[in-house]
Every structure is written in C-alpha cells, then in structure tokens.
Amino acid sequence: MMGNIFCIVGKSSSGKDTVYKKLLENPSLRLKRIVPYTTRPIRAGEQEGVEYHFATMERLTQLQEENKIIECRSYDTVYGVWYYFMVQDSQIDLDANDYLIIGTLESFIKIRDHFGRNRVLPVYIDLDDGERLSRALEREKQQSQPRYEEMCRRFIADAKDFSEDNLARAGITVRFDNHDLKNCLDKVEAYITANQEASASFDLGGRLEKSGINCEAFDA
C-alpha cells in the first residue's frame, strides 16, 4: 500500500474541525489521525491527544534537539508566542495507512516537502468571510475567557496567509465550499476516495512491474 496524507487547510472558522471529525467517522475512508502538537493553552471542550498534544516549551526544545520536528510555526498572539508543530513519531506509517490532518498553508507545504508531493494532498475548505466572522464570534462567546482580540488578529491574518498568490504557490486548485456541510462532505469524500483508488492502482502497477508480470494484461 502507498498511503496518503490528506491535509485540511482553510481560514479560521471555515468549519475545518467539523469536516475533519466527520471524515474520520466515515469507516469507508479508513483514515487515521495525526495529532499535531501545540504550546497554546487548551480550550474549553478540547482534550489532550484529540485536537492536539499540548506541550510545554521544554518538550518542544527536546524534540528539536532530537531532530523530530517536521514543521513548526509560531504565532505572536496578544497572550504570548504560541507554537504549533508536527512530529515524526510512531503515529505515522505511510506504508500501511492513509492519514488526515489539519494544517495551515505553511505547514502543508513543509509536510508535503518532507513526505513528497505524491503522498501529501490538500483539502482546502472555503467559506464566505462574513459567515466565518459570525461563526468565530459565536465560538468565542462559549469560552470561559473569550479572547476577542486574538479572534480579530487571526481573522485579519487569514486574509494575507490565504491570499490568491499564496494559494497558487501552494498548488491548491481545488476548493470545497462549506456553506452546506453535507454537500461539502460529499465532495471531499469523493475526492479522497478517488485519490485512494489512484494510489492503490499505482501501487499495484509498481508491485506487478517488480515481479515481472505484464501490467498491460490488466488494462481491460
């Protein structure tokens, strides 16, 4: 098997987390989680090892010294510097599984460069800015200590981070509109399934070629 890493990217409050959870719940996709790491404080409703591994700065430094960091991003928030990072650990075995993660454009590019363009595929979730802002505000209201300044900072930063130029440089040409969750999920699931089937066909062809069997016999 030649596994893929499907990387969900999109602006804040575009519904990435919901899409991520729904895809993982679909047994036909057979997707495994890669839980990223962060030094930011845990939010209400989050659990260690589910959304993130919540790490200390000391743990981040240790992993850097062990050369296990695949990609790392820092954000200078109004509450201090927060780090988000992905670790080469026992979670990842591309010879056995397909994986699903959530990331930024920057992290997607670094992960793709680490594992290879044919192994890391973007899933860009798109949503109108007005709807995103409304969702972000409602979500922040549910926090025990709402961070409205940070919410606004992220919203403004997204306009720059996900500019059309940056999307083009990342090679993202397919977008999945999330105004209607079911419709969005149907299209994402079809996209993932098509790529899984393509990888399986490529893997079969490669193994047959190594064994000396004529692959053309299977074209019909």
C-alpha atoms as a PDB file:
ATOM      1  CA  MET A   1       0.000   0.000   0.000  1.00  0.00           C
ATOM      2  CA  MET A   2       1.115   3.531  -0.759  1.00  0.00           C
ATOM      3  CA  GLY A   3      -0.569   5.745   1.805  1.00  0.00           C
ATOM      4  CA  ASN A   4      -1.517   9.408   1.523  1.00  0.00           C
ATOM      5  CA  ILE A   5      -1.694  12.280   3.978  1.00  0.00           C
ATOM      6  CA  PHE A   6      -4.777  14.414   3.305  1.00  0.00           C
ATOM      7  CA  CYS A   7      -4.164  17.867   4.781  1.00  0.00           C
ATOM      8  CA  ILE A   8      -7.221  20.006   5.545  1.00  0.00           C
ATOM      9  CA  VAL A   9      -6.437  23.715   5.222  1.00  0.00           C
ATOM     10  CA  GLY A  10      -8.559  26.844   5.312  1.00  0.00           C
ATOM     11  CA  LYS A  11      -9.143  30.115   7.094  1.00  0.00           C
ATOM     12  CA  SER A  12     -10.173  30.198  10.744  1.00  0.00           C
ATOM     13  CA  SER A  13     -13.829  29.313  11.446  1.00  0.00           C
ATOM     14  CA  SER A  14     -14.341  27.872   7.967  1.00  0.00           C
ATOM     15  CA  GLY A  15     -15.511  24.617   9.532  1.00  0.00           C
ATOM     16  CA  LYS A  16     -12.266  22.650   9.198  1.00  0.00           C
ATOM     17  CA  ASP A  17     -12.641  20.933  12.581  1.00  0.00           C
ATOM     18  CA  THR A  18     -16.164  19.720  11.797  1.00  0.00           C
ATOM     19  CA  VAL A  19     -15.163  18.421   8.370  1.00  0.00           C
ATOM     20  CA  TYR A  20     -12.131  16.723   9.946  1.00  0.00           C
ATOM     21  CA  LYS A  21     -14.226  14.925  12.569  1.00  0.00           C
ATOM     22  CA  LYS A  22     -16.882  13.836  10.073  1.00  0.00           C
ATOM     23  CA  LEU A  23     -14.291  12.386   7.695  1.00  0.00           C
ATOM     24  CA  LEU A  24     -12.672  10.404  10.490  1.00  0.00           C
ATOM     25  CA  GLU A  25     -16.095   8.999  11.423  1.00  0.00           C
ATOM     26  CA  ASN A  26     -16.554   7.588   7.906  1.00  0.00           C
ATOM     27  CA  PRO A  27     -15.263   3.978   8.107  1.00  0.00           C
ATOM     28  CA  SER A  28     -15.158   3.565   4.323  1.00  0.00           C
ATOM     29  CA  LEU A  29     -12.368   6.163   4.067  1.00  0.00           C
ATOM     30  CA  ARG A  30     -10.124   4.295   6.538  1.00  0.00           C
ATOM     31  CA  LEU A  31      -8.353   7.485   7.613  1.00  0.00           C
ATOM     32  CA  LYS A  32      -6.037   7.635  10.610  1.00  0.00           C
ATOM     33  CA  ARG A  33      -5.392  10.758  12.682  1.00  0.00           C
ATOM     34  CA  ILE A  34      -2.058  12.504  13.022  1.00  0.00           C
ATOM     35  CA  VAL A  35      -2.415  14.557  16.171  1.00  0.00           C
ATOM     36  CA  PRO A  36      -0.342  17.770  15.953  1.00  0.00           C
ATOM     37  CA  TYR A  37       1.349  19.490  18.886  1.00  0.00           C
ATOM     38  CA  THR A  38       0.930  22.991  20.304  1.00  0.00           C
ATOM     39  CA  THR A  39       2.147  25.085  23.216  1.00  0.00           C
ATOM     40  CA  ARG A  40      -1.022  27.183  23.357  1.00  0.00           C
ATOM     41  CA  PRO A  41      -3.413  26.757  26.315  1.00  0.00           C
ATOM     42  CA  ILE A  42      -6.079  24.099  25.994  1.00  0.00           C
ATOM     43  CA  ARG A  43      -9.538  25.482  25.129  1.00  0.00           C
ATOM     44  CA  ALA A  44     -12.888  24.585  26.628  1.00  0.00           C
ATOM     45  CA  GLY A  45     -14.112  21.308  25.142  1.00  0.00           C
ATOM     46  CA  GLU A  46     -10.678  20.179  23.928  1.00  0.00           C
ATOM     47  CA  GLN A  47      -8.919  17.026  25.126  1.00  0.00           C
ATOM     48  CA  GLU A  48      -5.247  16.127  25.261  1.00  0.00           C
ATOM     49  CA  GLY A  49      -4.362  13.836  22.378  1.00  0.00           C
ATOM     50  CA  VAL A  50      -7.562  14.575  20.453  1.00  0.00           C
ATOM     51  CA  GLU A  51      -7.319  18.042  18.900  1.00  0.00           C
ATOM     52  CA  TYR A  52      -3.649  18.463  19.883  1.00  0.00           C
ATOM     53  CA  HIS A  53      -0.893  17.205  22.096  1.00  0.00           C
ATOM     54  CA  PHE A  54      -0.497  20.157  24.456  1.00  0.00           C
ATOM     55  CA  ALA A  55       3.234  20.521  25.049  1.00  0.00           C
ATOM     56  CA  THR A  56       5.489  22.736  27.128  1.00  0.00           C
ATOM     57  CA  MET A  57       8.293  24.807  25.682  1.00  0.00           C
ATOM     58  CA  GLU A  58      10.710  22.378  27.317  1.00  0.00           C
ATOM     59  CA  ARG A  59       9.136  19.473  25.386  1.00  0.00           C
ATOM     60  CA  LEU A  60       9.374  21.419  22.107  1.00  0.00           C
ATOM     61  CA  THR A  61      13.053  22.124  22.725  1.00  0.00           C
ATOM     62  CA  GLN A  62      13.692  18.445  23.484  1.00  0.00           C
ATOM     63  CA  LEU A  63      12.021  17.316  20.236  1.00  0.00           C
ATOM     64  CA  GLN A  64      14.019  19.883  18.260  1.00  0.00           C
ATOM     65  CA  GLU A  65      17.251  18.573  19.770  1.00  0.00           C
ATOM     66  CA  GLU A  66      16.196  15.036  18.790  1.00  0.00           C
ATOM     67  CA  ASN A  67      15.588  16.256  15.196  1.00  0.00           C
ATOM     68  CA  LYS A  68      11.988  15.015  15.257  1.00  0.00           C
ATOM     69  CA  ILE A  69      10.216  18.237  14.192  1.00  0.00           C
ATOM     70  CA  ILE A  70       8.754  18.040  10.678  1.00  0.00           C
ATOM     71  CA  GLU A  71       7.379  21.573  10.714  1.00  0.00           C
ATOM     72  CA  CYS A  72       6.918  24.266  13.354  1.00  0.00           C
ATOM     73  CA  ARG A  73       5.082  27.593  13.272  1.00  0.00           C
ATOM     74  CA  SER A  74       4.993  30.374  15.845  1.00  0.00           C
ATOM     75  CA  TYR A  75       2.278  32.970  16.353  1.00  0.00           C
ATOM     76  CA  ASP A  76       2.905  36.161  18.298  1.00  0.00           C
ATOM     77  CA  THR A  77      -0.526  36.471  19.898  1.00  0.00           C
ATOM     78  CA  VAL A  78      -1.783  39.028  22.390  1.00  0.00           C
ATOM     79  CA  TYR A  79      -1.275  36.295  25.022  1.00  0.00           C
ATOM     80  CA  GLY A  80       2.316  35.496  24.075  1.00  0.00           C
ATOM     81  CA  VAL A  81       4.018  33.313  21.475  1.00  0.00           C
ATOM     82  CA  TRP A  82       2.217  30.059  20.666  1.00  0.00           C
ATOM     83  CA  TYR A  83       3.883  27.238  18.733  1.00  0.00           C
ATOM     84  CA  TYR A  84       2.177  24.632  16.536  1.00  0.00           C
ATOM     85  CA  PHE A  85       4.229  21.722  15.238  1.00  0.00           C
ATOM     86  CA  MET A  86       4.197  18.236  13.746  1.00  0.00           C
ATOM     87  CA  VAL A  87       6.459  15.475  14.993  1.00  0.00           C
ATOM     88  CA  GLN A  88       7.951  12.452  13.252  1.00  0.00           C
ATOM     89  CA  ASP A  89       6.725   9.921  15.784  1.00  0.00           C
ATOM     90  CA  SER A  90       5.134   6.469  15.956  1.00  0.00           C
ATOM     91  CA  GLN A  91       1.804   7.824  14.670  1.00  0.00           C
ATOM     92  CA  ILE A  92       2.924   7.834  11.021  1.00  0.00           C
ATOM     93  CA  ASP A  93       3.333   4.739   8.824  1.00  0.00           C
ATOM     94  CA  LEU A  94       2.617   5.570   5.180  1.00  0.00           C
ATOM     95  CA  ASP A  95       3.312   2.003   4.118  1.00  0.00           C
ATOM     96  CA  ALA A  96       0.207   0.890   5.998  1.00  0.00           C
ATOM     97  CA  ASN A  97      -2.295   3.753   6.294  1.00  0.00           C
ATOM     98  CA  ASP A  98      -3.878   6.889   4.882  1.00  0.00           C
ATOM     99  CA  TYR A  99      -3.946   9.872   7.243  1.00  0.00           C
ATOM    100  CA  LEU A 100      -5.937  13.040   7.845  1.00  0.00           C
ATOM    101  CA  ILE A 101      -4.584  16.209   9.445  1.00  0.00           C
ATOM    102  CA  ILE A 102      -5.495  19.895   9.793  1.00  0.00           C
ATOM    103  CA  GLY A 103      -2.853  22.491   8.962  1.00  0.00           C
ATOM    104  CA  THR A 104      -2.004  25.872   7.522  1.00  0.00           C
ATOM    105  CA  LEU A 105      -0.655  26.579   4.057  1.00  0.00           C
ATOM    106  CA  GLU A 106       2.810  26.830   5.555  1.00  0.00           C
ATOM    107  CA  SER A 107       2.545  23.505   7.376  1.00  0.00           C
ATOM    108  CA  PHE A 108       1.013  21.804   4.333  1.00  0.00           C
ATOM    109  CA  ILE A 109       3.976  22.851   2.168  1.00  0.00           C
ATOM    110  CA  LYS A 110       6.538  21.681   4.738  1.00  0.00           C
ATOM    111  CA  ILE A 111       4.784  18.343   5.275  1.00  0.00           C
ATOM    112  CA  ARG A 112       4.474  17.864   1.508  1.00  0.00           C
ATOM    113  CA  ASP A 113       8.167  18.635   1.041  1.00  0.00           C
ATOM    114  CA  HIS A 114       9.050  16.183   3.838  1.00  0.00           C
ATOM    115  CA  PHE A 115       6.980  13.203   2.639  1.00  0.00           C
ATOM    116  CA  GLY A 116       6.718  14.012  -1.089  1.00  0.00           C
ATOM    117  CA  ARG A 117       4.203  15.690  -3.381  1.00  0.00           C
ATOM    118  CA  ASN A 118       2.621  12.381  -4.356  1.00  0.00           C
ATOM    119  CA  ARG A 119       1.946  11.488  -0.712  1.00  0.00           C
ATOM    120  CA  VAL A 120       0.529  14.755   0.720  1.00  0.00           C
ATOM    121  CA  LEU A 121      -2.687  16.162  -0.783  1.00  0.00           C
ATOM    122  CA  PRO A 122      -4.503  19.389   0.193  1.00  0.00           C
ATOM    123  CA  VAL A 123      -8.197  19.637   1.088  1.00  0.00           C
ATOM    124  CA  TYR A 124      -8.988  23.369   1.030  1.00  0.00           C
ATOM    125  CA  ILE A 125     -12.186  24.271   2.916  1.00  0.00           C
ATOM    126  CA  ASP A 126     -13.632  27.588   1.770  1.00  0.00           C
ATOM    127  CA  LEU A 127     -16.306  29.835   3.300  1.00  0.00           C
ATOM    128  CA  ASP A 128     -17.529  33.415   2.864  1.00  0.00           C
ATOM    129  CA  ASP A 129     -15.738  35.887   5.165  1.00  0.00           C
ATOM    130  CA  GLY A 130     -18.957  37.223   6.679  1.00  0.00           C
ATOM    131  CA  GLU A 131     -20.125  33.762   7.663  1.00  0.00           C
ATOM    132  CA  ARG A 132     -16.700  32.919   9.080  1.00  0.00           C
ATOM    133  CA  LEU A 133     -16.665  36.026  11.257  1.00  0.00           C
ATOM    134  CA  SER A 134     -20.146  35.255  12.590  1.00  0.00           C
ATOM    135  CA  ARG A 135     -19.130  31.678  13.447  1.00  0.00           C
ATOM    136  CA  ALA A 136     -15.889  32.836  15.078  1.00  0.00           C
ATOM    137  CA  LEU A 137     -17.746  35.267  17.326  1.00  0.00           C
ATOM    138  CA  GLU A 138     -20.269  32.655  18.439  1.00  0.00           C
ATOM    139  CA  ARG A 139     -17.493  30.165  19.188  1.00  0.00           C
ATOM    140  CA  GLU A 140     -15.510  32.670  21.209  1.00  0.00           C
ATOM    141  CA  LYS A 141     -18.563  33.536  23.305  1.00  0.00           C
ATOM    142  CA  GLN A 142     -18.631  29.927  24.513  1.00  0.00           C
ATOM    143  CA  GLN A 143     -15.133  30.149  26.013  1.00  0.00           C
ATOM    144  CA  SER A 144     -14.765  30.679  29.752  1.00  0.00           C
ATOM    145  CA  GLN A 145     -12.359  33.530  28.944  1.00  0.00           C
ATOM    146  CA  PRO A 146     -13.214  34.869  25.465  1.00  0.00           C
ATOM    147  CA  ARG A 147     -10.175  36.132  23.538  1.00  0.00           C
ATOM    148  CA  TYR A 148     -11.806  38.595  21.147  1.00  0.00           C
ATOM    149  CA  GLU A 149      -8.570  40.407  20.359  1.00  0.00           C
ATOM    150  CA  GLU A 150      -6.939  37.159  19.275  1.00  0.00           C
ATOM    151  CA  MET A 151     -10.004  36.259  17.220  1.00  0.00           C
ATOM    152  CA  CYS A 152      -9.720  39.548  15.319  1.00  0.00           C
ATOM    153  CA  ARG A 153      -5.969  39.119  14.849  1.00  0.00           C
ATOM    154  CA  ARG A 154      -6.447  35.699  13.293  1.00  0.00           C
ATOM    155  CA  PHE A 155      -9.247  36.904  11.022  1.00  0.00           C
ATOM    156  CA  ILE A 156      -7.076  39.716   9.647  1.00  0.00           C
ATOM    157  CA  ALA A 157      -4.011  37.475   9.326  1.00  0.00           C
ATOM    158  CA  ASP A 158      -6.001  34.940   7.293  1.00  0.00           C
ATOM    159  CA  ALA A 159      -6.547  37.472   4.507  1.00  0.00           C
ATOM    160  CA  LYS A 160      -2.787  37.626   3.998  1.00  0.00           C
ATOM    161  CA  ASP A 161      -1.954  33.993   4.712  1.00  0.00           C
ATOM    162  CA  PHE A 162      -4.580  32.659   2.290  1.00  0.00           C
ATOM    163  CA  SER A 163      -4.142  35.216  -0.472  1.00  0.00           C
ATOM    164  CA  GLU A 164      -4.700  34.040  -4.034  1.00  0.00           C
ATOM    165  CA  ASP A 165      -0.955  34.282  -4.683  1.00  0.00           C
ATOM    166  CA  ASN A 166      -0.171  32.059  -1.692  1.00  0.00           C
ATOM    167  CA  LEU A 167      -2.804  29.515  -2.705  1.00  0.00           C
ATOM    168  CA  ALA A 168      -1.346  29.399  -6.203  1.00  0.00           C
ATOM    169  CA  ARG A 169       2.188  28.965  -4.872  1.00  0.00           C
ATOM    170  CA  ALA A 170       0.987  26.074  -2.711  1.00  0.00           C
ATOM    171  CA  GLY A 171      -0.525  24.417  -5.778  1.00  0.00           C
ATOM    172  CA  ILE A 172      -4.063  24.463  -4.397  1.00  0.00           C
ATOM    173  CA  THR A 173      -6.528  24.434  -7.274  1.00  0.00           C
ATOM    174  CA  VAL A 174      -9.481  22.526  -5.764  1.00  0.00           C
ATOM    175  CA  ARG A 175     -11.747  24.236  -3.212  1.00  0.00           C
ATOM    176  CA  PHE A 176     -14.611  22.810  -1.184  1.00  0.00           C
ATOM    177  CA  ASP A 177     -17.270  25.362  -0.261  1.00  0.00           C
ATOM    178  CA  ASN A 178     -18.654  24.764   3.253  1.00  0.00           C
ATOM    179  CA  HIS A 179     -21.893  26.763   3.255  1.00  0.00           C
ATOM    180  CA  ASP A 180     -23.690  23.411   3.248  1.00  0.00           C
ATOM    181  CA  LEU A 181     -21.826  20.839   5.344  1.00  0.00           C
ATOM    182  CA  LYS A 182     -23.376  17.737   3.742  1.00  0.00           C
ATOM    183  CA  ASN A 183     -22.635  18.908   0.218  1.00  0.00           C
ATOM    184  CA  CYS A 184     -19.086  19.835   1.237  1.00  0.00           C
ATOM    185  CA  LEU A 185     -18.520  16.429   2.857  1.00  0.00           C
ATOM    186  CA  ASP A 186     -19.889  14.550  -0.158  1.00  0.00           C
ATOM    187  CA  LYS A 187     -17.400  16.307  -2.440  1.00  0.00           C
ATOM    188  CA  VAL A 188     -14.443  15.901  -0.087  1.00  0.00           C
ATOM    189  CA  GLU A 189     -15.197  12.195   0.410  1.00  0.00           C
ATOM    190  CA  ALA A 190     -15.363  11.677  -3.361  1.00  0.00           C
ATOM    191  CA  TYR A 191     -12.022  13.487  -3.751  1.00  0.00           C
ATOM    192  CA  ILE A 192     -10.344  11.362  -1.082  1.00  0.00           C
ATOM    193  CA  THR A 193     -11.769   8.112  -2.453  1.00  0.00           C
ATOM    194  CA  ALA A 194     -10.593   8.945  -5.987  1.00  0.00           C
ATOM    195  CA  ASN A 195      -7.064   9.613  -4.758  1.00  0.00           C
ATOM    196  CA  GLN A 196      -7.044   6.444  -2.654  1.00  0.00           C
ATOM    197  CA  GLU A 197      -8.081   4.402  -5.670  1.00  0.00           C
ATOM    198  CA  ALA A 198      -5.429   6.088  -7.812  1.00  0.00           C
ATOM    199  CA  SER A 199      -2.752   5.314  -5.220  1.00  0.00           C
ATOM    200  CA  ALA A 200      -3.900   1.704  -4.974  1.00  0.00           C
ATOM    201  CA  SER A 201      -3.732   1.343  -8.750  1.00  0.00           C
ATOM    202  CA  PHE A 202      -0.261   2.887  -8.829  1.00  0.00           C
ATOM    203  CA  ASP A 203       0.894   0.613  -6.031  1.00  0.00           C
ATOM    204  CA  LEU A 204      -0.475  -2.469  -7.800  1.00  0.00           C
ATOM    205  CA  GLY A 205       1.223  -1.487 -11.036  1.00  0.00           C
ATOM    206  CA  GLY A 206       4.536  -0.907  -9.260  1.00  0.00           C
ATOM    207  CA  ARG A 207       4.432  -4.267  -7.482  1.00  0.00           C
ATOM    208  CA  LEU A 208       3.459  -6.081 -10.672  1.00  0.00           C
ATOM    209  CA  GLU A 209       6.278  -4.402 -12.584  1.00  0.00           C
ATOM    210  CA  LYS A 210       8.818  -5.502  -9.950  1.00  0.00           C
ATOM    211  CA  SER A 211       7.507  -9.053 -10.124  1.00  0.00           C
ATOM    212  CA  GLY A 212       7.891  -9.175 -13.899  1.00  0.00           C
ATOM    213  CA  ILE A 213       4.158  -9.520 -14.619  1.00  0.00           C
ATOM    214  CA  ASN A 214       2.880  -7.656 -17.665  1.00  0.00           C
ATOM    215  CA  CYS A 215       0.673  -4.853 -16.305  1.00  0.00           C
ATOM    216  CA  GLU A 216      -0.911  -4.289 -19.739  1.00  0.00           C
ATOM    217  CA  ALA A 217      -2.812  -7.531 -19.244  1.00  0.00           C
ATOM    218  CA  PHE A 218      -4.925  -5.777 -16.601  1.00  0.00           C
ATOM    219  CA  ASP A 219      -5.901  -2.766 -18.773  1.00  0.00           C
ATOM    220  CA  ALA A 220      -9.141  -4.381 -19.894  1.00  0.00           C
END
